Amino acid sequence: MRLILLALLVVTFSTYAEDDLSAKAWLKNMSQALHEKQFKVSIIQLQTDHIRPLVYIHGIVDNQEIALLEYLNGPPKNAVRVGNRVTFIEHDQPPYSVTAPRIQGVWPAALAGDISQLEKGYQFVIGGRSRIAGRPGQMIRLLANDENRYDAQVWIDMDTYLPLRFDTINKDKQLLEQTMVVELIELSEPANILIEAAKQDWPAVINQAERTDGKNWQFTWLPQGFDVVVRDHHRLIGIHEPVEYIALTDGLANISVYVARAGENPLPNELLTRNGLSMVVVKVGTLEVVAIGKVPSETLERIANSLVLK
């Protein structure tokens, strides 16, 4: 009887302690867990017309983060992260490496980053609790501060603080995309495959494109919280015309902007896919500006029209 009462007290105290956490504290604990925990998760990513199953493994080997992402459908495709180097392994081309702090394609990078940066574009609100993958999860809503981006919500495991589910929702409250864990296994030591990955001699990081011919394109307007993270100037494969590429992000939403000479066959003014991915084309003199991202098309149009050459 004494043991039962003690167990009930522990559960009650734990529940009260969790109730005291703010929405931001939950998110900070999740960010820390994504860096420090050793785990294996099986994931499904759901879109309106597509299901993608993944396996993601993370651990610490020799004091550095090692991770593996495996795509389970289609041709073999893996990504391996050792420290800040990510190597992509695909069946139809040689492996190549890039410098990156995370493997893209699992969770938004901001979930493992500085949560405070997300406050520029979102409010954090505690939601309800739900059981996901057999584990209790606390839902945190990320409500957009304006109409220039979509809302999101994340369920955080109440034991490990790892993310269990992440939804992107449009302004009509329709689900655009969902990433959900179907199995989570916390590991007491790094998985053997990660230990072996740390020993491998992976390809050197590819050189970044030279920008000697790049133009100084600047935005006169960007939504609060969006920053330029990549500028690239190159020629696309099979096309001789140079293309200027600019990547923007607010931590959750990513936007790609391309600037090139207008072709003989003009692109449509706007294209909206069923998964919430918008594309807007704006003509500037003899150039075409193409903006693509999972944000409202009105946001992309305003961004594209704000681009000026300085």
C-alpha atoms as a PDB file:
ATOM      1  CA  MET A   1       0.000   0.000   0.000  1.00  0.00           C
ATOM      2  CA  ARG A   2       2.821   2.396   0.858  1.00  0.00           C
ATOM      3  CA  LEU A   3       4.454   1.745  -2.557  1.00  0.00           C
ATOM      4  CA  ILE A   4       1.167   2.397  -4.348  1.00  0.00           C
ATOM      5  CA  LEU A   5       0.701   5.717  -2.527  1.00  0.00           C
ATOM      6  CA  LEU A   6       4.283   6.690  -3.331  1.00  0.00           C
ATOM      7  CA  ALA A   7       3.743   5.900  -7.001  1.00  0.00           C
ATOM      8  CA  LEU A   8       0.549   7.973  -7.046  1.00  0.00           C
ATOM      9  CA  LEU A   9       2.382  10.903  -5.450  1.00  0.00           C
ATOM     10  CA  VAL A  10       5.160  10.682  -8.056  1.00  0.00           C
ATOM     11  CA  VAL A  11       2.632  10.647 -10.918  1.00  0.00           C
ATOM     12  CA  THR A  12       0.675  13.541  -9.396  1.00  0.00           C
ATOM     13  CA  PHE A  13       3.810  15.630  -8.819  1.00  0.00           C
ATOM     14  CA  SER A  14       5.010  14.933 -12.367  1.00  0.00           C
ATOM     15  CA  THR A  15       1.647  15.987 -13.797  1.00  0.00           C
ATOM     16  CA  TYR A  16       1.639  19.237 -11.817  1.00  0.00           C
ATOM     17  CA  ALA A  17       5.234  19.929 -12.862  1.00  0.00           C
ATOM     18  CA  GLU A  18       4.297  19.484 -16.527  1.00  0.00           C
ATOM     19  CA  ASP A  19       1.229  21.687 -16.080  1.00  0.00           C
ATOM     20  CA  ASP A  20       3.536  24.472 -14.896  1.00  0.00           C
ATOM     21  CA  LEU A  21       5.477  24.470 -18.181  1.00  0.00           C
ATOM     22  CA  SER A  22       4.705  27.288 -20.588  1.00  0.00           C
ATOM     23  CA  ALA A  23       4.261  26.638 -24.302  1.00  0.00           C
ATOM     24  CA  LYS A  24       7.705  28.115 -24.950  1.00  0.00           C
ATOM     25  CA  ALA A  25       9.262  25.899 -22.259  1.00  0.00           C
ATOM     26  CA  TRP A  26       7.800  22.807 -23.945  1.00  0.00           C
ATOM     27  CA  LEU A  27       9.318  23.918 -27.260  1.00  0.00           C
ATOM     28  CA  LYS A  28      12.705  24.634 -25.681  1.00  0.00           C
ATOM     29  CA  ASN A  29      12.752  21.191 -24.053  1.00  0.00           C
ATOM     30  CA  MET A  30      11.933  19.666 -27.449  1.00  0.00           C
ATOM     31  CA  SER A  31      14.766  21.557 -29.147  1.00  0.00           C
ATOM     32  CA  GLN A  32      17.215  20.334 -26.515  1.00  0.00           C
ATOM     33  CA  ALA A  33      15.949  16.743 -26.760  1.00  0.00           C
ATOM     34  CA  LEU A  34      16.428  16.678 -30.541  1.00  0.00           C
ATOM     35  CA  HIS A  35      20.114  17.431 -29.973  1.00  0.00           C
ATOM     36  CA  GLU A  36      20.817  15.346 -26.872  1.00  0.00           C
ATOM     37  CA  LYS A  37      18.562  12.275 -26.995  1.00  0.00           C
ATOM     38  CA  GLN A  38      19.510   9.003 -28.661  1.00  0.00           C
ATOM     39  CA  PHE A  39      16.507   7.525 -30.427  1.00  0.00           C
ATOM     40  CA  LYS A  40      14.991   5.796 -33.433  1.00  0.00           C
ATOM     41  CA  VAL A  41      11.655   6.878 -34.900  1.00  0.00           C
ATOM     42  CA  SER A  42       9.505   5.469 -37.681  1.00  0.00           C
ATOM     43  CA  ILE A  43       7.617   8.304 -39.363  1.00  0.00           C
ATOM     44  CA  ILE A  44       4.947   8.805 -41.981  1.00  0.00           C
ATOM     45  CA  GLN A  45       4.552  12.092 -43.810  1.00  0.00           C
ATOM     46  CA  LEU A  46       1.030  12.708 -45.104  1.00  0.00           C
ATOM     47  CA  GLN A  47      -0.020  15.080 -47.839  1.00  0.00           C
ATOM     48  CA  THR A  48      -3.289  15.258 -49.741  1.00  0.00           C
ATOM     49  CA  ASP A  49      -2.122  12.861 -52.441  1.00  0.00           C
ATOM     50  CA  HIS A  50       1.045  11.336 -51.030  1.00  0.00           C
ATOM     51  CA  ILE A  51       2.309   9.186 -48.151  1.00  0.00           C
ATOM     52  CA  ARG A  52       6.036   8.963 -47.419  1.00  0.00           C
ATOM     53  CA  PRO A  53       7.389   6.501 -44.786  1.00  0.00           C
ATOM     54  CA  LEU A  54      10.756   7.339 -43.176  1.00  0.00           C
ATOM     55  CA  VAL A  55      13.099   6.036 -40.504  1.00  0.00           C
ATOM     56  CA  TYR A  56      15.229   8.529 -38.580  1.00  0.00           C
ATOM     57  CA  ILE A  57      17.965   7.535 -36.104  1.00  0.00           C
ATOM     58  CA  HIS A  58      19.894   9.987 -33.930  1.00  0.00           C
ATOM     59  CA  GLY A  59      22.720   9.546 -31.442  1.00  0.00           C
ATOM     60  CA  ILE A  60      25.928  10.930 -29.988  1.00  0.00           C
ATOM     61  CA  VAL A  61      29.243   9.352 -31.024  1.00  0.00           C
ATOM     62  CA  ASP A  62      32.559  10.789 -29.831  1.00  0.00           C
ATOM     63  CA  ASN A  63      30.771  13.912 -28.569  1.00  0.00           C
ATOM     64  CA  GLN A  64      29.213  14.786 -31.919  1.00  0.00           C
ATOM     65  CA  GLU A  65      25.736  14.273 -33.305  1.00  0.00           C
ATOM     66  CA  ILE A  66      25.265  11.481 -35.845  1.00  0.00           C
ATOM     67  CA  ALA A  67      21.980  10.918 -37.662  1.00  0.00           C
ATOM     68  CA  LEU A  68      20.591   8.736 -40.432  1.00  0.00           C
ATOM     69  CA  LEU A  69      17.470   9.303 -42.528  1.00  0.00           C
ATOM     70  CA  GLU A  70      16.191   6.474 -44.715  1.00  0.00           C
ATOM     71  CA  TYR A  71      13.361   6.762 -47.238  1.00  0.00           C
ATOM     72  CA  LEU A  72      11.444   3.481 -47.251  1.00  0.00           C
ATOM     73  CA  ASN A  73       9.494   3.851 -50.514  1.00  0.00           C
ATOM     74  CA  GLY A  74      10.857   4.161 -54.041  1.00  0.00           C
ATOM     75  CA  PRO A  75      14.509   3.901 -55.104  1.00  0.00           C
ATOM     76  CA  PRO A  76      17.043   3.626 -52.240  1.00  0.00           C
ATOM     77  CA  LYS A  77      17.810   7.033 -50.778  1.00  0.00           C
ATOM     78  CA  ASN A  78      19.553   7.878 -47.494  1.00  0.00           C
ATOM     79  CA  ALA A  79      21.055  10.902 -45.783  1.00  0.00           C
ATOM     80  CA  VAL A  80      23.783  10.651 -43.135  1.00  0.00           C
ATOM     81  CA  ARG A  81      24.794  13.484 -40.844  1.00  0.00           C
ATOM     82  CA  VAL A  82      28.138  13.520 -39.040  1.00  0.00           C
ATOM     83  CA  GLY A  83      28.510  16.740 -37.080  1.00  0.00           C
ATOM     84  CA  ASN A  84      27.751  19.555 -39.519  1.00  0.00           C
ATOM     85  CA  ARG A  85      28.292  17.491 -42.669  1.00  0.00           C
ATOM     86  CA  VAL A  86      25.318  15.833 -44.382  1.00  0.00           C
ATOM     87  CA  THR A  87      25.981  13.204 -47.049  1.00  0.00           C
ATOM     88  CA  PHE A  88      23.298  12.130 -49.520  1.00  0.00           C
ATOM     89  CA  ILE A  89      23.372   8.579 -50.855  1.00  0.00           C
ATOM     90  CA  GLU A  90      21.160   7.823 -53.853  1.00  0.00           C
ATOM     91  CA  HIS A  91      21.036   4.898 -56.243  1.00  0.00           C
ATOM     92  CA  ASP A  92      21.555   6.842 -59.477  1.00  0.00           C
ATOM     93  CA  GLN A  93      24.452   9.165 -58.585  1.00  0.00           C
ATOM     94  CA  PRO A  94      27.650   9.214 -56.527  1.00  0.00           C
ATOM     95  CA  PRO A  95      27.352  10.266 -52.859  1.00  0.00           C
ATOM     96  CA  TYR A  96      27.928  13.946 -52.165  1.00  0.00           C
ATOM     97  CA  SER A  97      28.217  16.044 -49.004  1.00  0.00           C
ATOM     98  CA  VAL A  98      27.104  19.539 -47.975  1.00  0.00           C
ATOM     99  CA  THR A  99      27.577  21.617 -44.851  1.00  0.00           C
ATOM    100  CA  ALA A 100      24.333  21.647 -42.850  1.00  0.00           C
ATOM    101  CA  PRO A 101      23.365  21.553 -39.154  1.00  0.00           C
ATOM    102  CA  ARG A 102      20.386  19.218 -39.741  1.00  0.00           C
ATOM    103  CA  ILE A 103      19.066  16.689 -42.237  1.00  0.00           C
ATOM    104  CA  GLN A 104      16.237  18.392 -44.086  1.00  0.00           C
ATOM    105  CA  GLY A 105      12.975  16.568 -44.668  1.00  0.00           C
ATOM    106  CA  VAL A 106      12.103  15.287 -41.190  1.00  0.00           C
ATOM    107  CA  TRP A 107      11.114  18.114 -38.822  1.00  0.00           C
ATOM    108  CA  PRO A 108      11.364  21.857 -39.560  1.00  0.00           C
ATOM    109  CA  ALA A 109      14.863  23.031 -38.667  1.00  0.00           C
ATOM    110  CA  ALA A 110      13.536  25.598 -36.171  1.00  0.00           C
ATOM    111  CA  LEU A 111      12.189  22.854 -33.892  1.00  0.00           C
ATOM    112  CA  ALA A 112      15.803  21.997 -33.050  1.00  0.00           C
ATOM    113  CA  GLY A 113      17.017  25.587 -33.134  1.00  0.00           C
ATOM    114  CA  ASP A 114      16.589  28.807 -31.171  1.00  0.00           C
ATOM    115  CA  ILE A 115      12.894  28.763 -30.306  1.00  0.00           C
ATOM    116  CA  SER A 116      12.973  32.500 -29.514  1.00  0.00           C
ATOM    117  CA  GLN A 117      13.528  33.231 -33.218  1.00  0.00           C
ATOM    118  CA  LEU A 118      10.119  31.752 -34.017  1.00  0.00           C
ATOM    119  CA  GLU A 119       8.439  34.420 -31.872  1.00  0.00           C
ATOM    120  CA  LYS A 120       9.004  36.919 -34.697  1.00  0.00           C
ATOM    121  CA  GLY A 121       6.334  35.154 -36.715  1.00  0.00           C
ATOM    122  CA  TYR A 122       4.326  32.984 -34.320  1.00  0.00           C
ATOM    123  CA  GLN A 123       2.604  32.932 -30.953  1.00  0.00           C
ATOM    124  CA  PHE A 124       2.975  29.821 -28.777  1.00  0.00           C
ATOM    125  CA  VAL A 125      -0.198  28.482 -27.172  1.00  0.00           C
ATOM    126  CA  ILE A 126      -0.675  25.310 -25.122  1.00  0.00           C
ATOM    127  CA  GLY A 127      -3.306  22.972 -26.546  1.00  0.00           C
ATOM    128  CA  GLY A 128      -4.720  19.661 -25.398  1.00  0.00           C
ATOM    129  CA  ARG A 129      -3.095  16.307 -24.837  1.00  0.00           C
ATOM    130  CA  SER A 130      -3.403  13.246 -27.025  1.00  0.00           C
ATOM    131  CA  ARG A 131      -1.960   9.754 -27.396  1.00  0.00           C
ATOM    132  CA  ILE A 132       0.288   9.290 -30.415  1.00  0.00           C
ATOM    133  CA  ALA A 133       2.290   6.143 -31.195  1.00  0.00           C
ATOM    134  CA  GLY A 134       1.150   4.800 -27.828  1.00  0.00           C
ATOM    135  CA  ARG A 135       2.710   7.761 -25.983  1.00  0.00           C
ATOM    136  CA  PRO A 136       1.057  10.754 -24.274  1.00  0.00           C
ATOM    137  CA  GLY A 137       1.797  13.997 -26.086  1.00  0.00           C
ATOM    138  CA  GLN A 138       1.292  17.680 -25.276  1.00  0.00           C
ATOM    139  CA  MET A 139       0.119  19.780 -28.200  1.00  0.00           C
ATOM    140  CA  ILE A 140       1.596  23.253 -28.728  1.00  0.00           C
ATOM    141  CA  ARG A 141      -0.006  25.580 -31.267  1.00  0.00           C
ATOM    142  CA  LEU A 142       2.174  27.923 -33.310  1.00  0.00           C
ATOM    143  CA  LEU A 143      -0.243  30.624 -34.425  1.00  0.00           C
ATOM    144  CA  ALA A 144       0.892  32.929 -37.215  1.00  0.00           C
ATOM    145  CA  ASN A 145       1.147  36.582 -36.208  1.00  0.00           C
ATOM    146  CA  ASP A 146      -0.106  37.670 -39.645  1.00  0.00           C
ATOM    147  CA  GLU A 147      -1.712  36.403 -42.862  1.00  0.00           C
ATOM    148  CA  ASN A 148       1.653  35.897 -44.556  1.00  0.00           C
ATOM    149  CA  ARG A 149       2.211  32.339 -43.315  1.00  0.00           C
ATOM    150  CA  TYR A 150       0.297  29.298 -42.111  1.00  0.00           C
ATOM    151  CA  ASP A 151      -0.387  28.047 -38.592  1.00  0.00           C
ATOM    152  CA  ALA A 152       1.284  24.920 -37.244  1.00  0.00           C
ATOM    153  CA  GLN A 153       0.921  22.605 -34.280  1.00  0.00           C
ATOM    154  CA  VAL A 154       3.299  20.113 -32.723  1.00  0.00           C
ATOM    155  CA  TRP A 155       2.695  17.288 -30.248  1.00  0.00           C
ATOM    156  CA  ILE A 156       5.611  16.741 -27.838  1.00  0.00           C
ATOM    157  CA  ASP A 157       6.227  13.439 -26.050  1.00  0.00           C
ATOM    158  CA  MET A 158       5.646  14.001 -22.328  1.00  0.00           C
ATOM    159  CA  ASP A 159       8.438  11.583 -21.405  1.00  0.00           C
ATOM    160  CA  THR A 160      11.310  12.331 -23.797  1.00  0.00           C
ATOM    161  CA  TYR A 161      10.179  15.778 -25.084  1.00  0.00           C
ATOM    162  CA  LEU A 162      10.769  14.539 -28.640  1.00  0.00           C
ATOM    163  CA  PRO A 163       8.246  15.597 -31.320  1.00  0.00           C
ATOM    164  CA  LEU A 164       5.527  13.057 -32.074  1.00  0.00           C
ATOM    165  CA  ARG A 165       3.536  14.927 -34.715  1.00  0.00           C
ATOM    166  CA  PHE A 166       3.756  18.179 -36.675  1.00  0.00           C
ATOM    167  CA  ASP A 167       0.901  19.675 -38.707  1.00  0.00           C
ATOM    168  CA  THR A 168       0.808  22.597 -41.117  1.00  0.00           C
ATOM    169  CA  ILE A 169      -2.648  24.213 -41.363  1.00  0.00           C
ATOM    170  CA  ASN A 170      -3.849  26.911 -43.756  1.00  0.00           C
ATOM    171  CA  LYS A 171      -5.966  29.928 -42.863  1.00  0.00           C
ATOM    172  CA  ASP A 172      -9.129  27.899 -43.562  1.00  0.00           C
ATOM    173  CA  LYS A 173      -8.011  25.387 -40.898  1.00  0.00           C
ATOM    174  CA  GLN A 174      -7.359  22.725 -43.534  1.00  0.00           C
ATOM    175  CA  LEU A 175      -4.494  20.282 -42.979  1.00  0.00           C
ATOM    176  CA  LEU A 176      -1.798  20.813 -45.617  1.00  0.00           C
ATOM    177  CA  GLU A 177       0.851  18.411 -44.392  1.00  0.00           C
ATOM    178  CA  GLN A 178       1.431  16.139 -41.423  1.00  0.00           C
ATOM    179  CA  THR A 179       4.541  14.414 -40.097  1.00  0.00           C
ATOM    180  CA  MET A 180       3.674  11.771 -37.522  1.00  0.00           C
ATOM    181  CA  VAL A 181       5.703   9.251 -35.514  1.00  0.00           C
ATOM    182  CA  VAL A 182       4.282   5.725 -35.519  1.00  0.00           C
ATOM    183  CA  GLU A 183       7.026   4.261 -33.322  1.00  0.00           C
ATOM    184  CA  LEU A 184       9.553   5.917 -31.002  1.00  0.00           C
ATOM    185  CA  ILE A 185      12.361   3.979 -29.332  1.00  0.00           C
ATOM    186  CA  GLU A 186      14.668   5.815 -26.922  1.00  0.00           C
ATOM    187  CA  LEU A 187      18.155   4.288 -26.965  1.00  0.00           C
ATOM    188  CA  SER A 188      20.554   4.025 -24.048  1.00  0.00           C
ATOM    189  CA  GLU A 189      23.543   4.123 -26.419  1.00  0.00           C
ATOM    190  CA  PRO A 190      24.062   5.061 -30.061  1.00  0.00           C
ATOM    191  CA  ALA A 191      22.788   2.595 -32.643  1.00  0.00           C
ATOM    192  CA  ASN A 192      25.494   0.460 -34.255  1.00  0.00           C
ATOM    193  CA  ILE A 193      24.748   1.919 -37.684  1.00  0.00           C
ATOM    194  CA  LEU A 194      25.566   5.410 -36.319  1.00  0.00           C
ATOM    195  CA  ILE A 195      28.827   4.174 -34.792  1.00  0.00           C
ATOM    196  CA  GLU A 196      29.799   2.755 -38.174  1.00  0.00           C
ATOM    197  CA  ALA A 197      28.732   5.962 -39.916  1.00  0.00           C
ATOM    198  CA  ALA A 198      31.094   7.958 -37.687  1.00  0.00           C
ATOM    199  CA  LYS A 199      33.988   5.794 -38.900  1.00  0.00           C
ATOM    200  CA  GLN A 200      33.285   6.172 -42.624  1.00  0.00           C
ATOM    201  CA  ASP A 201      35.326   8.394 -44.922  1.00  0.00           C
ATOM    202  CA  TRP A 202      32.466  10.381 -46.446  1.00  0.00           C
ATOM    203  CA  PRO A 203      32.894  12.555 -49.570  1.00  0.00           C
ATOM    204  CA  ALA A 204      34.308  16.010 -49.041  1.00  0.00           C
ATOM    205  CA  VAL A 205      31.862  18.901 -48.910  1.00  0.00           C
ATOM    206  CA  ILE A 206      31.124  20.206 -52.385  1.00  0.00           C
ATOM    207  CA  ASN A 207      32.262  23.733 -53.152  1.00  0.00           C
ATOM    208  CA  GLN A 208      29.582  26.391 -53.011  1.00  0.00           C
ATOM    209  CA  ALA A 209      28.722  28.060 -56.287  1.00  0.00           C
ATOM    210  CA  GLU A 210      30.821  31.083 -57.114  1.00  0.00           C
ATOM    211  CA  ARG A 211      28.921  34.349 -57.072  1.00  0.00           C
ATOM    212  CA  THR A 212      31.349  36.424 -59.118  1.00  0.00           C
ATOM    213  CA  ASP A 213      28.623  37.029 -61.723  1.00  0.00           C
ATOM    214  CA  GLY A 214      25.743  37.252 -59.253  1.00  0.00           C
ATOM    215  CA  LYS A 215      23.609  40.374 -59.088  1.00  0.00           C
ATOM    216  CA  ASN A 216      22.833  42.270 -55.892  1.00  0.00           C
ATOM    217  CA  TRP A 217      19.111  41.535 -55.677  1.00  0.00           C
ATOM    218  CA  GLN A 218      17.439  42.874 -52.540  1.00  0.00           C
ATOM    219  CA  PHE A 219      13.928  42.666 -51.084  1.00  0.00           C
ATOM    220  CA  THR A 220      12.180  45.881 -50.120  1.00  0.00           C
ATOM    221  CA  TRP A 221       9.616  43.853 -48.160  1.00  0.00           C
ATOM    222  CA  LEU A 222       9.694  40.550 -46.314  1.00  0.00           C
ATOM    223  CA  PRO A 223       7.239  39.226 -43.712  1.00  0.00           C
ATOM    224  CA  GLN A 224       8.429  39.675 -40.131  1.00  0.00           C
ATOM    225  CA  GLY A 225      10.759  36.834 -39.170  1.00  0.00           C
ATOM    226  CA  PHE A 226      11.803  35.816 -42.699  1.00  0.00           C
ATOM    227  CA  ASP A 227      15.526  36.033 -43.482  1.00  0.00           C
ATOM    228  CA  VAL A 228      17.715  35.262 -46.494  1.00  0.00           C
ATOM    229  CA  VAL A 229      19.703  32.106 -45.742  1.00  0.00           C
ATOM    230  CA  VAL A 230      21.194  31.219 -49.160  1.00  0.00           C
ATOM    231  CA  ARG A 231      22.244  33.149 -52.254  1.00  0.00           C
ATOM    232  CA  ASP A 232      23.406  31.168 -55.258  1.00  0.00           C
ATOM    233  CA  HIS A 233      24.223  32.029 -58.867  1.00  0.00           C
ATOM    234  CA  HIS A 234      24.602  29.206 -61.374  1.00  0.00           C
ATOM    235  CA  ARG A 235      23.416  27.730 -64.647  1.00  0.00           C
ATOM    236  CA  LEU A 236      20.731  25.082 -64.411  1.00  0.00           C
ATOM    237  CA  ILE A 237      21.461  21.704 -65.979  1.00  0.00           C
ATOM    238  CA  GLY A 238      20.368  21.737 -69.625  1.00  0.00           C
ATOM    239  CA  ILE A 239      19.820  25.514 -69.597  1.00  0.00           C
ATOM    240  CA  HIS A 240      22.511  27.955 -70.646  1.00  0.00           C
ATOM    241  CA  GLU A 241      20.927  30.998 -69.065  1.00  0.00           C
ATOM    242  CA  PRO A 242      22.223  31.949 -65.582  1.00  0.00           C
ATOM    243  CA  VAL A 243      19.779  31.739 -62.682  1.00  0.00           C
ATOM    244  CA  GLU A 244      19.900  33.678 -59.422  1.00  0.00           C
ATOM    245  CA  TYR A 245      18.577  31.662 -56.465  1.00  0.00           C
ATOM    246  CA  ILE A 246      17.611  33.124 -53.081  1.00  0.00           C
ATOM    247  CA  ALA A 247      16.319  31.022 -50.168  1.00  0.00           C
ATOM    248  CA  LEU A 248      14.197  32.525 -47.383  1.00  0.00           C
ATOM    249  CA  THR A 249      12.896  30.994 -44.166  1.00  0.00           C
ATOM    250  CA  ASP A 250      11.170  31.947 -40.926  1.00  0.00           C
ATOM    251  CA  GLY A 251      12.191  28.641 -39.349  1.00  0.00           C
ATOM    252  CA  LEU A 252       9.019  26.761 -40.296  1.00  0.00           C
ATOM    253  CA  ALA A 253       8.173  27.970 -43.801  1.00  0.00           C
ATOM    254  CA  ASN A 254      10.741  27.932 -46.633  1.00  0.00           C
ATOM    255  CA  ILE A 255      10.546  30.089 -49.763  1.00  0.00           C
ATOM    256  CA  SER A 256      12.666  29.757 -52.914  1.00  0.00           C
ATOM    257  CA  VAL A 257      13.055  32.705 -55.285  1.00  0.00           C
ATOM    258  CA  TYR A 258      14.544  32.331 -58.779  1.00  0.00           C
ATOM    259  CA  VAL A 259      15.469  35.189 -61.113  1.00  0.00           C
ATOM    260  CA  ALA A 260      16.225  34.442 -64.781  1.00  0.00           C
ATOM    261  CA  ARG A 261      15.770  35.852 -68.252  1.00  0.00           C
ATOM    262  CA  ALA A 262      12.194  35.390 -69.419  1.00  0.00           C
ATOM    263  CA  GLY A 263      11.755  32.458 -71.788  1.00  0.00           C
ATOM    264  CA  GLU A 264       9.910  32.401 -75.091  1.00  0.00           C
ATOM    265  CA  ASN A 265       6.999  30.558 -73.454  1.00  0.00           C
ATOM    266  CA  PRO A 266       5.897  32.548 -70.396  1.00  0.00           C
ATOM    267  CA  LEU A 267       5.090  30.657 -67.211  1.00  0.00           C
ATOM    268  CA  PRO A 268       1.580  30.875 -65.718  1.00  0.00           C
ATOM    269  CA  ASN A 269       1.050  33.779 -63.364  1.00  0.00           C
ATOM    270  CA  GLU A 270       0.144  31.553 -60.435  1.00  0.00           C
ATOM    271  CA  LEU A 271      -0.056  27.857 -59.571  1.00  0.00           C
ATOM    272  CA  LEU A 272      -1.446  26.458 -56.316  1.00  0.00           C
ATOM    273  CA  THR A 273      -1.022  22.747 -55.623  1.00  0.00           C
ATOM    274  CA  ARG A 274      -3.311  20.663 -53.459  1.00  0.00           C
ATOM    275  CA  ASN A 275      -0.635  20.404 -50.777  1.00  0.00           C
ATOM    276  CA  GLY A 276      -0.541  24.144 -50.143  1.00  0.00           C
ATOM    277  CA  LEU A 277       2.637  24.744 -52.154  1.00  0.00           C
ATOM    278  CA  SER A 278       2.204  27.999 -54.085  1.00  0.00           C
ATOM    279  CA  MET A 279       4.116  29.320 -57.082  1.00  0.00           C
ATOM    280  CA  VAL A 280       3.961  32.898 -58.317  1.00  0.00           C
ATOM    281  CA  VAL A 281       5.633  34.328 -61.429  1.00  0.00           C
ATOM    282  CA  VAL A 282       6.267  38.062 -61.789  1.00  0.00           C
ATOM    283  CA  LYS A 283       7.811  39.644 -64.870  1.00  0.00           C
ATOM    284  CA  VAL A 284      10.341  42.411 -64.272  1.00  0.00           C
ATOM    285  CA  GLY A 285      11.425  43.887 -67.607  1.00  0.00           C
ATOM    286  CA  THR A 286      13.104  41.070 -69.518  1.00  0.00           C
ATOM    287  CA  LEU A 287      13.370  38.907 -66.386  1.00  0.00           C
ATOM    288  CA  GLU A 288      11.066  36.463 -64.681  1.00  0.00           C
ATOM    289  CA  VAL A 289      10.926  36.157 -60.883  1.00  0.00           C
ATOM    290  CA  VAL A 290       9.569  32.814 -59.684  1.00  0.00           C
ATOM    291  CA  ALA A 291       8.701  32.427 -55.987  1.00  0.00           C
ATOM    292  CA  ILE A 292       7.779  29.015 -54.562  1.00  0.00           C
ATOM    293  CA  GLY A 293       6.852  28.129 -50.992  1.00  0.00           C
ATOM    294  CA  LYS A 294       4.307  26.651 -48.610  1.00  0.00           C
ATOM    295  CA  VAL A 295       2.819  30.040 -47.750  1.00  0.00           C
ATOM    296  CA  PRO A 296      -0.214  31.921 -49.135  1.00  0.00           C
ATOM    297  CA  SER A 297       0.214  32.901 -52.779  1.00  0.00           C
ATOM    298  CA  GLU A 298      -0.437  36.541 -51.833  1.00  0.00           C
ATOM    299  CA  THR A 299       2.710  36.445 -49.692  1.00  0.00           C
ATOM    300  CA  LEU A 300       4.795  35.104 -52.572  1.00  0.00           C
ATOM    301  CA  GLU A 301       3.431  37.702 -54.970  1.00  0.00           C
ATOM    302  CA  ARG A 302       4.300  40.559 -52.629  1.00  0.00           C
ATOM    303  CA  ILE A 303       7.793  39.165 -52.029  1.00  0.00           C
ATOM    304  CA  ALA A 304       8.427  38.742 -55.765  1.00  0.00           C
ATOM    305  CA  ASN A 305       7.231  42.259 -56.518  1.00  0.00           C
ATOM    306  CA  SER A 306       9.484  43.694 -53.800  1.00  0.00           C
ATOM    307  CA  LEU A 307      12.667  42.360 -55.428  1.00  0.00           C
ATOM    308  CA  VAL A 308      14.925  45.150 -56.752  1.00  0.00           C
ATOM    309  CA  LEU A 309      18.419  45.267 -58.191  1.00  0.00           C
ATOM    310  CA  LYS A 310      20.875  47.435 -56.262  1.00  0.00           C
END
